[in-house]
PDB file of N, CA and C in Angstrom:
ATOM      1  N   UNK A   1     -27.920   4.092  11.079  1.00  0.00           N
ATOM      2  CA  UNK A   1     -26.801   5.029  11.223  1.00  0.00           C
ATOM      3  C   UNK A   1     -25.538   4.674  10.420  1.00  0.00           C
ATOM      4  N   UNK A   2     -24.865   5.705   9.983  1.00  0.00           N
ATOM      5  CA  UNK A   2     -23.988   5.991   8.791  1.00  0.00           C
ATOM      6  C   UNK A   2     -22.746   5.095   9.247  1.00  0.00           C
ATOM      7  N   UNK A   3     -21.934   4.570   7.927  1.00  0.00           N
ATOM      8  CA  UNK A   3     -20.803   3.997   8.359  1.00  0.00           C
ATOM      9  C   UNK A   3     -19.736   4.531   8.537  1.00  0.00           C
ATOM     10  N   UNK A   4     -18.836   4.060   9.504  1.00  0.00           N
ATOM     11  CA  UNK A   4     -17.518   4.768   9.746  1.00  0.00           C
ATOM     12  C   UNK A   4     -16.446   4.477   9.188  1.00  0.00           C
ATOM     13  N   UNK A   5     -15.652   5.040   8.307  1.00  0.00           N
ATOM     14  CA  UNK A   5     -14.509   4.375   7.568  1.00  0.00           C
ATOM     15  C   UNK A   5     -13.487   3.878   9.054  1.00  0.00           C
ATOM     16  N   UNK A   6     -13.486   4.504   9.912  1.00  0.00           N
ATOM     17  CA  UNK A   6     -12.391   3.948  10.990  1.00  0.00           C
ATOM     18  C   UNK A   6     -12.684   2.807  11.217  1.00  0.00           C
ATOM     19  N   UNK A   7     -13.595   2.364  11.281  1.00  0.00           N
ATOM     20  CA  UNK A   7     -14.429   0.718  11.676  1.00  0.00           C
ATOM     21  C   UNK A   7     -13.798  -0.601  10.805  1.00  0.00           C
ATOM     22  N   UNK A   8     -13.136   0.296   9.989  1.00  0.00           N
ATOM     23  CA  UNK A   8     -13.062  -0.479   8.273  1.00  0.00           C
ATOM     24  C   UNK A   8     -11.600  -1.500   8.877  1.00  0.00           C
ATOM     25  N   UNK A   9     -11.905  -2.855   8.631  1.00  0.00           N
ATOM     26  CA  UNK A   9     -10.767  -3.554   8.433  1.00  0.00           C
ATOM     27  C   UNK A   9      -8.884  -3.190   8.073  1.00  0.00           C
ATOM     28  N   UNK A  10      -8.101  -3.270   8.296  1.00  0.00           N
ATOM     29  CA  UNK A  10      -6.964  -2.915   7.308  1.00  0.00           C
ATOM     30  C   UNK A  10      -5.429  -3.990   7.755  1.00  0.00           C
ATOM     31  N   UNK A  11      -4.976  -3.958   6.360  1.00  0.00           N
ATOM     32  CA  UNK A  11      -3.725  -4.740   5.941  1.00  0.00           C
ATOM     33  C   UNK A  11      -2.764  -3.814   6.112  1.00  0.00           C
ATOM     34  N   UNK A  12      -1.375  -4.305   5.976  1.00  0.00           N
ATOM     35  CA  UNK A  12      -0.294  -3.830   5.688  1.00  0.00           C
ATOM     36  C   UNK A  12       0.084  -4.498   4.205  1.00  0.00           C
ATOM     37  N   UNK A  13       0.909  -3.676   3.408  1.00  0.00           N
ATOM     38  CA  UNK A  13       1.145  -4.662   2.085  1.00  0.00           C
ATOM     39  C   UNK A  13       2.436  -5.021   2.200  1.00  0.00           C
ATOM     40  N   UNK A  14       2.761  -5.960   1.716  1.00  0.00           N
ATOM     41  CA  UNK A  14       4.437  -6.306   1.837  1.00  0.00           C
ATOM     42  C   UNK A  14       5.105  -5.985   1.342  1.00  0.00           C
ATOM     43  N   UNK A  15       4.912  -5.120   0.565  1.00  0.00           N
ATOM     44  CA  UNK A  15       6.151  -4.758  -0.893  1.00  0.00           C
ATOM     45  C   UNK A  15       5.953  -3.081  -0.326  1.00  0.00           C
ATOM     46  N   UNK A  16       4.878  -2.463   0.162  1.00  0.00           N
ATOM     47  CA  UNK A  16       5.513  -0.687   0.166  1.00  0.00           C
ATOM     48  C   UNK A  16       5.372  -0.630   1.717  1.00  0.00           C
ATOM     49  N   UNK A  17       4.879  -1.730   2.213  1.00  0.00           N
ATOM     50  CA  UNK A  17       4.708  -1.704   3.899  1.00  0.00           C
ATOM     51  C   UNK A  17       3.736  -0.455   4.461  1.00  0.00           C
ATOM     52  N   UNK A  18       2.701   0.169   3.357  1.00  0.00           N
ATOM     53  CA  UNK A  18       1.984   0.964   4.086  1.00  0.00           C
ATOM     54  C   UNK A  18       0.546  -0.022   4.237  1.00  0.00           C
ATOM     55  N   UNK A  19      -0.258   1.074   5.100  1.00  0.00           N
ATOM     56  CA  UNK A  19      -1.409   0.092   5.498  1.00  0.00           C
ATOM     57  C   UNK A  19      -2.604   0.368   4.536  1.00  0.00           C
ATOM     58  N   UNK A  20      -3.632  -0.132   4.571  1.00  0.00           N
ATOM     59  CA  UNK A  20      -4.808   0.073   3.296  1.00  0.00           C
ATOM     60  C   UNK A  20      -6.046  -0.570   3.747  1.00  0.00           C
ATOM     61  N   UNK A  21      -6.995  -0.130   3.527  1.00  0.00           N
ATOM     62  CA  UNK A  21      -8.419  -0.382   3.943  1.00  0.00           C
ATOM     63  C   UNK A  21      -9.031  -1.634   3.454  1.00  0.00           C
ATOM     64  N   UNK A  22     -10.137  -1.813   4.016  1.00  0.00           N
ATOM     65  CA  UNK A  22     -11.036  -2.714   3.138  1.00  0.00           C
ATOM     66  C   UNK A  22     -11.812  -1.815   2.391  1.00  0.00           C
ATOM     67  N   UNK A  23     -11.974  -2.646   0.988  1.00  0.00           N
ATOM     68  CA  UNK A  23     -12.918  -1.445  -0.127  1.00  0.00           C
ATOM     69  C   UNK A  23     -14.021  -2.515  -0.376  1.00  0.00           C
ATOM     70  N   UNK A  24     -15.278  -2.316  -0.572  1.00  0.00           N
ATOM     71  CA  UNK A  24     -16.344  -2.561  -1.154  1.00  0.00           C
ATOM     72  C   UNK A  24     -16.133  -3.882  -2.298  1.00  0.00           C
ATOM     73  N   UNK A  25     -15.693  -3.467  -2.955  1.00  0.00           N
ATOM     74  CA  UNK A  25     -15.045  -4.492  -4.178  1.00  0.00           C
ATOM     75  C   UNK A  25     -14.279  -5.548  -4.050  1.00  0.00           C
ATOM     76  N   UNK A  26     -13.248  -5.381  -2.498  1.00  0.00           N
ATOM     77  CA  UNK A  26     -12.859  -6.621  -1.598  1.00  0.00           C
ATOM     78  C   UNK A  26     -13.356  -7.260  -0.786  1.00  0.00           C
ATOM     79  N   UNK A  27     -14.748  -7.193  -0.769  1.00  0.00           N
ATOM     80  CA  UNK A  27     -16.158  -7.847   0.137  1.00  0.00           C
ATOM     81  C   UNK A  27     -15.748  -9.483  -0.008  1.00  0.00           C
ATOM     82  N   UNK A  28     -15.754  -9.856  -0.936  1.00  0.00           N
ATOM     83  CA  UNK A  28     -15.936 -11.554  -1.144  1.00  0.00           C
ATOM     84  C   UNK A  28     -14.539 -12.123  -1.336  1.00  0.00           C
ATOM     85  N   UNK A  29     -13.331 -11.226  -1.762  1.00  0.00           N
ATOM     86  CA  UNK A  29     -12.446 -11.934  -1.356  1.00  0.00           C
ATOM     87  C   UNK A  29     -11.162 -11.155  -0.239  1.00  0.00           C
ATOM     88  N   UNK A  30     -11.871 -10.509   0.429  1.00  0.00           N
ATOM     89  CA  UNK A  30     -10.553  -9.736   1.470  1.00  0.00           C
ATOM     90  C   UNK A  30      -9.587 -10.175   2.313  1.00  0.00           C
ATOM     91  N   UNK A  31     -10.290 -11.968   2.171  1.00  0.00           N
ATOM     92  CA  UNK A  31      -8.679 -12.800   2.736  1.00  0.00           C
ATOM     93  C   UNK A  31      -7.704 -12.926   1.902  1.00  0.00           C
ATOM     94  N   UNK A  32      -7.862 -12.894   0.577  1.00  0.00           N
ATOM     95  CA  UNK A  32      -6.945 -12.612  -0.420  1.00  0.00           C
ATOM     96  C   UNK A  32      -6.363 -11.787  -0.747  1.00  0.00           C
ATOM     97  N   UNK A  33      -6.515 -10.885  -0.508  1.00  0.00           N
ATOM     98  CA  UNK A  33      -6.273  -9.223  -0.852  1.00  0.00           C
ATOM     99  C   UNK A  33      -4.772  -9.435   0.059  1.00  0.00           C
ATOM    100  N   UNK A  34      -3.561  -8.893  -0.721  1.00  0.00           N
ATOM    101  CA  UNK A  34      -2.348  -9.398  -0.486  1.00  0.00           C
ATOM    102  C   UNK A  34      -1.794  -7.678  -0.212  1.00  0.00           C
ATOM    103  N   UNK A  35      -1.955  -7.205  -1.477  1.00  0.00           N
ATOM    104  CA  UNK A  35      -1.413  -5.877  -2.172  1.00  0.00           C
ATOM    105  C   UNK A  35      -2.447  -4.135  -2.033  1.00  0.00           C
ATOM    106  N   UNK A  36      -1.809  -3.392  -2.043  1.00  0.00           N
ATOM    107  CA  UNK A  36      -2.041  -2.263  -1.725  1.00  0.00           C
ATOM    108  C   UNK A  36      -2.854  -1.600  -3.339  1.00  0.00           C
ATOM    109  N   UNK A  37      -1.895  -2.614  -4.268  1.00  0.00           N
ATOM    110  CA  UNK A  37      -2.149  -1.673  -5.587  1.00  0.00           C
ATOM    111  C   UNK A  37      -1.875  -2.948  -6.553  1.00  0.00           C
ATOM    112  N   UNK A  38      -2.535  -3.025  -7.568  1.00  0.00           N
ATOM    113  CA  UNK A  38      -2.686  -4.039  -8.814  1.00  0.00           C
ATOM    114  C   UNK A  38      -1.334  -3.737  -9.167  1.00  0.00           C
ATOM    115  N   UNK A  39      -0.667  -2.815  -9.291  1.00  0.00           N
ATOM    116  CA  UNK A  39       0.808  -2.662  -9.781  1.00  0.00           C
ATOM    117  C   UNK A  39       1.845  -3.473  -9.260  1.00  0.00           C
ATOM    118  N   UNK A  40       1.758  -3.944  -7.898  1.00  0.00           N
ATOM    119  CA  UNK A  40       2.577  -4.842  -6.697  1.00  0.00           C
ATOM    120  C   UNK A  40       2.071  -6.130  -7.228  1.00  0.00           C
ATOM    121  N   UNK A  41       1.336  -6.364  -7.815  1.00  0.00           N
ATOM    122  CA  UNK A  41       0.683  -7.849  -8.166  1.00  0.00           C
ATOM    123  C   UNK A  41       1.995  -8.516  -9.184  1.00  0.00           C
ATOM    124  N   UNK A  42       2.281  -7.844 -10.202  1.00  0.00           N
ATOM    125  CA  UNK A  42       3.084  -8.013 -11.059  1.00  0.00           C
ATOM    126  C   UNK A  42       4.485  -8.625 -10.829  1.00  0.00           C
ATOM    127  N   UNK A  43       4.926  -9.691 -11.441  1.00  0.00           N
ATOM    128  CA  UNK A  43       6.060 -10.259 -10.663  1.00  0.00           C
ATOM    129  C   UNK A  43       7.282  -9.680 -11.124  1.00  0.00           C
ATOM    130  N   UNK A  44       6.761  -8.543 -12.237  1.00  0.00           N
ATOM    131  CA  UNK A  44       8.518  -8.117 -12.444  1.00  0.00           C
ATOM    132  C   UNK A  44       8.626  -6.571 -11.612  1.00  0.00           C
ATOM    133  N   UNK A  45       7.520  -6.512 -10.643  1.00  0.00           N
ATOM    134  CA  UNK A  45       7.207  -5.121  -9.699  1.00  0.00           C
ATOM    135  C   UNK A  45       8.314  -6.069  -9.203  1.00  0.00           C
ATOM    136  N   UNK A  46       8.164  -7.038  -8.155  1.00  0.00           N
ATOM    137  CA  UNK A  46       8.688  -7.206  -7.288  1.00  0.00           C
ATOM    138  C   UNK A  46      10.232  -7.021  -7.410  1.00  0.00           C
ATOM    139  N   UNK A  47      10.730  -7.273  -8.463  1.00  0.00           N
ATOM    140  CA  UNK A  47      12.085  -7.524  -8.696  1.00  0.00           C
ATOM    141  C   UNK A  47      12.625  -5.803  -8.566  1.00  0.00           C
ATOM    142  N   UNK A  48      11.471  -4.623  -8.875  1.00  0.00           N
ATOM    143  CA  UNK A  48      11.970  -3.331  -8.742  1.00  0.00           C
ATOM    144  C   UNK A  48      11.516  -2.830  -7.678  1.00  0.00           C
ATOM    145  N   UNK A  49      10.805  -3.462  -6.802  1.00  0.00           N
ATOM    146  CA  UNK A  49       9.908  -2.648  -5.654  1.00  0.00           C
ATOM    147  C   UNK A  49      11.077  -2.596  -4.525  1.00  0.00           C
ATOM    148  N   UNK A  50      11.642  -2.688  -4.131  1.00  0.00           N
ATOM    149  CA  UNK A  50      12.882  -1.829  -3.475  1.00  0.00           C
ATOM    150  C   UNK A  50      13.790  -0.856  -3.753  1.00  0.00           C
ATOM    151  N   UNK A  51      13.637  -0.483  -4.853  1.00  0.00           N
ATOM    152  CA  UNK A  51      14.245   0.412  -6.131  1.00  0.00           C
ATOM    153  C   UNK A  51      13.323   1.736  -5.757  1.00  0.00           C
ATOM    154  N   UNK A  52      12.153   1.149  -6.378  1.00  0.00           N
ATOM    155  CA  UNK A  52      10.954   1.873  -6.148  1.00  0.00           C
ATOM    156  C   UNK A  52      10.543   2.361  -5.085  1.00  0.00           C
ATOM    157  N   UNK A  53      10.460   2.126  -3.419  1.00  0.00           N
ATOM    158  CA  UNK A  53      10.501   2.093  -2.302  1.00  0.00           C
ATOM    159  C   UNK A  53      11.256   3.359  -1.784  1.00  0.00           C
ATOM    160  N   UNK A  54      12.708   2.832  -2.354  1.00  0.00           N
ATOM    161  CA  UNK A  54      13.623   3.958  -1.856  1.00  0.00           C
ATOM    162  C   UNK A  54      13.896   5.429  -2.463  1.00  0.00           C
ATOM    163  N   UNK A  55      13.322   5.096  -3.734  1.00  0.00           N
ATOM    164  CA  UNK A  55      12.884   6.422  -4.850  1.00  0.00           C
ATOM    165  C   UNK A  55      12.130   7.220  -4.400  1.00  0.00           C
ATOM    166  N   UNK A  56      11.076   6.688  -3.428  1.00  0.00           N
ATOM    167  CA  UNK A  56       9.644   7.328  -3.299  1.00  0.00           C
ATOM    168  C   UNK A  56      10.216   7.787  -1.738  1.00  0.00           C
ATOM    169  N   UNK A  57      10.912   6.790  -0.864  1.00  0.00           N
ATOM    170  CA  UNK A  57      11.130   7.733   0.396  1.00  0.00           C
ATOM    171  C   UNK A  57      11.965   9.174   0.044  1.00  0.00           C
ATOM    172  N   UNK A  58      13.231   8.833  -0.456  1.00  0.00           N
ATOM    173  CA  UNK A  58      14.404   9.655  -0.945  1.00  0.00           C
ATOM    174  C   UNK A  58      13.394  11.493  -1.218  1.00  0.00           C
ATOM    175  N   UNK A  59      12.303  10.955  -2.549  1.00  0.00           N
ATOM    176  CA  UNK A  59      11.624  12.135  -2.746  1.00  0.00           C
ATOM    177  C   UNK A  59      10.766  12.723  -1.772  1.00  0.00           C
ATOM    178  N   UNK A  60      10.034  11.897  -0.738  1.00  0.00           N
ATOM    179  CA  UNK A  60       9.632  12.102   0.137  1.00  0.00           C
ATOM    180  C   UNK A  60      10.299  13.352   1.395  1.00  0.00           C
ATOM    181  N   UNK A  61      11.759  12.274   1.599  1.00  0.00           N
ATOM    182  CA  UNK A  61      12.128  13.156   2.666  1.00  0.00           C
ATOM    183  C   UNK A  61      13.637  13.980   2.102  1.00  0.00           C
ATOM    184  N   UNK A  62      13.886  14.202   0.958  1.00  0.00           N
ATOM    185  CA  UNK A  62      14.527  15.219   0.445  1.00  0.00           C
ATOM    186  C   UNK A  62      14.590  16.783   0.501  1.00  0.00           C
ATOM    187  N   UNK A  63      13.044  17.015   0.501  1.00  0.00           N
ATOM    188  CA  UNK A  63      12.749  18.418   0.395  1.00  0.00           C
ATOM    189  C   UNK A  63      12.669  19.207   1.851  1.00  0.00           C
ATOM    190  N   UNK A  64      12.287  18.134   2.598  1.00  0.00           N
ATOM    191  CA  UNK A  64      13.018  18.587   4.492  1.00  0.00           C
ATOM    192  C   UNK A  64      13.934  18.602   5.216  1.00  0.00           C
ATOM    193  N   UNK A  65      14.897  17.956   4.053  1.00  0.00           N
ATOM    194  CA  UNK A  65      16.309  17.985   5.211  1.00  0.00           C
ATOM    195  C   UNK A  65      16.956  19.507   4.785  1.00  0.00           C
ATOM    196  N   UNK A  66      17.349  19.887   6.041  1.00  0.00           N
ATOM    197  CA  UNK A  66      18.268  21.256   6.449  1.00  0.00           C
ATOM    198  C   UNK A  66      19.877  20.898   5.608  1.00  0.00           C
ATOM    199  N   UNK A  67      20.535  21.921   5.108  1.00  0.00           N
ATOM    200  CA  UNK A  67      21.667  21.918   4.665  1.00  0.00           C
ATOM    201  C   UNK A  67      22.461  21.949   5.869  1.00  0.00           C
TER     202      UNK A  67
END
């Protein structure tokens, strides 16, 4: 039976709030995985994360706003 991606466990990244799924490379350390991206593991990034996330939201929302 083929493996279904919809059956994979998921977690939510505490920095960006986006969900991310289990990956084969995390098989042995899945309980320790916290972030969806290596970039978020850097201590300096956590200081700038709110600014980065706000920027991403604004660049996503702005094209859909009506005047």
